[in-house]
Amino acid sequence: METNLDLVENLIKIGMAVLVGGIIGAEREYQDKAAGFRTIILITLGSTLFTIFSLLLDPENTQTRIAANIVTGIGFLGAGAIIREGGRVAGLTTAATIWLAAALGMGIGAGELYFVLTATGVTILVLVIFPRFEIVIDRLREARSYRIVVGAKDLKKVEKIEEALADCSLQIYEHHQSKNEKSIIGSWKTIGSPKNHEKFTMLMLKDRDVKEFDY
């Protein structure tokens, strides 16, 4: 039977879930992400309630089963946040945030309030501060699209172009080729350091078999 003290404790947990979900959700909303303020609050609150109810209904046996079901359900939400754009995958951070919000909600429901507050602080640090490090990393890795035209009979030249990209340590994540009566037109989307991009560019500019080259 639930006492007044238990009721107050559960109300505190609910308030804590709204606070933690609101803090993380506000950052996601500010970044204009699919899972924003209300969504993250509801995920955190829902996980908290499921955990509280599992402890109330059967404190002996059901905790791990309820936790496993929460993780499974959140997995579907996270998968819905992940989308493919061309050769890249977007939404991974949002999916991870959804998963983490559920974990924090479970921690709140289990009564680990101080631990959850610490984890929330670390989460905000990762979401707000770490992107600045990503900017530095992105400067070292530049995405660039190349369009190269060679003669219609120069089939082996396409293979040599891809070999040149590999020799310059440029990673190809999407490529297309088309052909008409006069030429073969190839396009490559690549990622690599600015230095390696310049190296490949110079190779193509010096190559007499290349009719057109732009990026």
Protein backbone atom coordinates (compact mmCIF):
# COMPACT_ATOMS: atom_id res chain seq x y z
CA MET A 1 0.00 0.00 0.00
CA GLU A 2 1.37 3.40 -0.98
CA THR A 3 1.90 5.86 1.89
CA ASN A 4 1.85 9.66 1.74
CA LEU A 5 5.65 9.58 1.84
CA ASP A 6 5.74 7.27 -1.19
CA LEU A 7 3.31 9.54 -3.02
CA VAL A 8 5.48 12.59 -2.37
CA GLU A 9 8.55 10.68 -3.52
CA ASN A 10 6.86 9.64 -6.76
CA LEU A 11 5.65 13.20 -7.38
CA ILE A 12 9.24 14.39 -6.93
CA LYS A 13 10.34 11.79 -9.49
CA ILE A 14 7.71 13.01 -11.94
CA GLY A 15 8.84 16.61 -11.47
CA MET A 16 12.44 15.53 -11.89
CA ALA A 17 11.59 13.70 -15.13
CA VAL A 18 9.94 16.83 -16.54
CA LEU A 19 12.93 18.96 -15.49
CA VAL A 20 15.57 16.63 -16.93
CA GLY A 21 13.59 16.03 -20.13
CA GLY A 22 12.99 19.77 -20.43
CA ILE A 23 16.67 20.63 -20.11
CA ILE A 24 17.73 18.15 -22.79
CA GLY A 25 14.66 18.82 -24.93
CA ALA A 26 15.27 22.58 -24.88
CA GLU A 27 18.71 22.07 -26.39
CA ARG A 28 17.25 19.78 -29.09
CA GLU A 29 14.46 22.29 -29.78
CA TYR A 30 17.01 25.10 -30.09
CA GLN A 31 18.88 23.01 -32.67
CA ASP A 32 15.55 22.47 -34.50
CA LYS A 33 15.73 18.68 -34.24
CA ALA A 34 12.87 16.26 -34.87
CA ALA A 35 12.74 15.16 -31.22
CA GLY A 36 12.40 18.50 -29.46
CA PHE A 37 11.22 19.93 -26.15
CA ARG A 38 7.91 18.13 -25.66
CA THR A 39 9.06 14.85 -27.19
CA ILE A 40 12.08 14.45 -24.91
CA ILE A 41 10.01 15.40 -21.85
CA LEU A 42 7.40 12.76 -22.72
CA ILE A 43 10.07 10.10 -23.31
CA THR A 44 11.76 10.83 -19.99
CA LEU A 45 8.45 11.00 -18.13
CA GLY A 46 7.13 7.82 -19.75
CA SER A 47 10.26 5.86 -18.84
CA THR A 48 10.03 7.18 -15.28
CA LEU A 49 6.38 6.12 -14.95
CA PHE A 50 7.01 2.66 -16.37
CA THR A 51 9.83 2.16 -13.88
CA ILE A 52 7.73 3.44 -10.95
CA PHE A 53 4.81 1.20 -11.88
CA SER A 54 7.08 -1.83 -12.26
CA LEU A 55 8.33 -1.28 -8.71
CA LEU A 56 4.78 -0.80 -7.37
CA LEU A 57 3.18 -3.76 -9.14
CA ASP A 58 5.84 -6.36 -8.47
CA PRO A 59 8.97 -5.13 -6.69
CA GLU A 60 10.45 -8.62 -6.68
CA ASN A 61 10.50 -9.83 -10.26
CA THR A 62 9.45 -7.40 -13.01
CA GLN A 63 12.05 -4.63 -12.98
CA THR A 64 14.40 -6.13 -15.55
CA ARG A 65 11.53 -7.15 -17.85
CA ILE A 66 10.01 -3.66 -17.78
CA ALA A 67 13.44 -2.13 -18.41
CA ALA A 68 13.96 -4.43 -21.39
CA ASN A 69 10.55 -3.47 -22.79
CA ILE A 70 11.35 0.23 -22.39
CA VAL A 71 14.60 -0.22 -24.30
CA THR A 72 12.77 -2.12 -27.07
CA GLY A 73 10.07 0.54 -27.40
CA ILE A 74 12.58 3.37 -27.43
CA GLY A 75 14.50 1.51 -30.14
CA PHE A 76 11.55 1.99 -32.50
CA LEU A 77 11.39 5.72 -31.73
CA GLY A 78 15.12 6.06 -32.28
CA ALA A 79 14.96 4.19 -35.59
CA GLY A 80 12.26 6.60 -36.77
CA ALA A 81 14.58 9.53 -36.14
CA ILE A 82 17.31 8.14 -38.42
CA ILE A 83 17.05 9.06 -42.09
CA ARG A 84 19.31 8.53 -45.09
CA GLU A 85 20.25 11.54 -47.20
CA GLY A 86 22.10 10.52 -50.31
CA GLY A 87 25.20 8.72 -49.13
CA ARG A 88 24.98 10.01 -45.57
CA VAL A 89 22.95 9.07 -42.53
CA ALA A 90 21.29 11.82 -40.47
CA GLY A 91 19.52 11.73 -37.12
CA LEU A 92 21.95 9.52 -35.24
CA THR A 93 22.51 12.11 -32.49
CA THR A 94 18.75 12.59 -32.12
CA ALA A 95 18.23 8.82 -31.90
CA ALA A 96 20.98 8.56 -29.28
CA THR A 97 19.41 11.44 -27.32
CA ILE A 98 16.04 9.65 -27.31
CA TRP A 99 17.72 6.49 -26.04
CA LEU A 100 19.59 8.42 -23.35
CA ALA A 101 16.46 10.32 -22.25
CA ALA A 102 14.75 6.98 -21.67
CA ALA A 103 17.73 5.76 -19.63
CA LEU A 104 17.62 8.91 -17.49
CA GLY A 105 13.89 8.41 -16.97
CA MET A 106 14.50 4.86 -15.80
CA GLY A 107 17.16 6.14 -13.40
CA ILE A 108 14.73 8.69 -11.98
CA GLY A 109 12.05 6.04 -11.55
CA ALA A 110 14.56 3.87 -9.69
CA GLY A 111 15.33 6.75 -7.32
CA GLU A 112 18.88 7.53 -8.52
CA LEU A 113 18.23 11.28 -8.64
CA TYR A 114 21.75 12.58 -7.98
CA PHE A 115 23.25 10.15 -10.46
CA VAL A 116 20.70 11.25 -13.08
CA LEU A 117 21.50 14.93 -12.47
CA THR A 118 25.19 14.20 -13.02
CA ALA A 119 24.44 12.25 -16.20
CA THR A 120 22.21 15.10 -17.42
CA GLY A 121 25.05 17.57 -16.93
CA VAL A 122 27.38 15.35 -18.94
CA THR A 123 24.73 15.01 -21.66
CA ILE A 124 24.35 18.79 -22.00
CA LEU A 125 28.14 19.11 -22.11
CA VAL A 126 28.29 16.64 -25.00
CA LEU A 127 25.41 18.27 -26.91
CA VAL A 128 26.48 21.90 -26.43
CA ILE A 129 30.27 21.95 -26.10
CA PHE A 130 31.43 19.00 -28.20
CA PRO A 131 30.04 20.34 -31.52
CA ARG A 132 32.78 22.98 -31.34
CA PHE A 133 35.34 20.20 -31.50
CA GLU A 134 33.48 18.76 -34.49
CA ILE A 135 33.96 22.08 -36.30
CA VAL A 136 37.72 21.74 -35.83
CA ILE A 137 37.61 18.13 -37.04
CA ASP A 138 35.51 19.12 -40.08
CA ARG A 139 38.21 21.58 -41.10
CA LEU A 140 40.56 18.63 -41.34
CA ARG A 141 38.05 16.63 -43.42
CA GLU A 142 36.35 18.40 -46.31
CA ALA A 143 33.49 17.04 -48.43
CA ARG A 144 33.81 17.78 -52.11
CA SER A 145 31.94 16.69 -55.27
CA TYR A 146 33.88 16.18 -58.50
CA ARG A 147 32.51 16.12 -62.04
CA ILE A 148 34.92 14.70 -64.62
CA VAL A 149 34.38 14.17 -68.35
CA VAL A 150 36.56 11.85 -70.46
CA GLY A 151 36.32 10.41 -73.98
CA ALA A 152 33.55 7.93 -74.79
CA LYS A 153 36.10 5.20 -75.54
CA ASP A 154 38.13 5.90 -72.37
CA LEU A 155 36.46 3.29 -70.15
CA LYS A 156 39.67 2.46 -68.30
CA LYS A 157 40.12 6.13 -67.45
CA VAL A 158 37.18 5.96 -65.04
CA GLU A 159 38.94 3.19 -63.14
CA LYS A 160 42.15 5.22 -63.11
CA ILE A 161 40.29 8.23 -61.69
CA GLU A 162 38.98 6.11 -58.83
CA GLU A 163 42.48 4.74 -58.28
CA ALA A 164 43.76 8.32 -58.14
CA LEU A 165 41.12 9.19 -55.54
CA ALA A 166 42.23 6.23 -53.45
CA ASP A 167 45.91 7.15 -53.87
CA CYS A 168 45.07 10.64 -52.59
CA SER A 169 43.32 9.10 -49.55
CA LEU A 170 39.94 10.48 -50.57
CA GLN A 171 36.97 8.40 -49.47
CA ILE A 172 34.19 7.97 -52.05
CA TYR A 173 30.71 7.82 -50.50
CA GLU A 174 28.65 8.27 -53.68
CA HIS A 175 29.40 8.08 -57.39
CA HIS A 176 27.51 8.09 -60.71
CA GLN A 177 28.55 7.62 -64.33
CA SER A 178 26.72 8.33 -67.57
CA LYS A 179 27.71 8.08 -71.24
CA ASN A 180 26.76 9.72 -74.52
CA GLU A 181 28.18 9.45 -78.03
CA LYS A 182 31.14 11.71 -77.32
CA SER A 183 32.02 11.29 -73.66
CA ILE A 184 31.73 9.53 -70.32
CA ILE A 185 30.58 11.79 -67.50
CA GLY A 186 31.44 10.78 -63.96
CA SER A 187 30.62 12.37 -60.63
CA TRP A 188 32.16 11.47 -57.29
CA LYS A 189 31.26 12.71 -53.82
CA THR A 190 34.29 12.40 -51.60
CA ILE A 191 35.62 13.19 -48.13
CA GLY A 192 39.23 13.90 -47.22
CA SER A 193 41.70 16.49 -46.05
CA PRO A 194 41.94 19.80 -47.99
CA LYS A 195 45.56 18.93 -48.80
CA ASN A 196 44.56 15.63 -50.42
CA HIS A 197 41.77 17.32 -52.36
CA GLU A 198 44.27 19.80 -53.78
CA LYS A 199 46.61 16.95 -54.68
CA PHE A 200 43.85 15.19 -56.63
CA THR A 201 42.78 18.44 -58.28
CA MET A 202 46.29 19.06 -59.59
CA LEU A 203 46.44 15.51 -60.97
CA MET A 204 43.20 16.01 -62.90
CA LEU A 205 44.21 19.46 -64.20
CA LYS A 206 47.46 18.01 -65.58
CA ASP A 207 45.77 14.95 -67.11
CA ARG A 208 45.40 15.43 -70.88
CA ASP A 209 42.75 12.71 -71.13
CA VAL A 210 40.37 14.71 -68.95
CA LYS A 211 38.12 16.88 -71.14
CA GLU A 212 36.26 18.65 -68.33
CA PHE A 213 36.90 18.90 -64.63
CA ASP A 214 35.02 20.86 -61.99
CA TYR A 215 34.01 20.63 -58.34
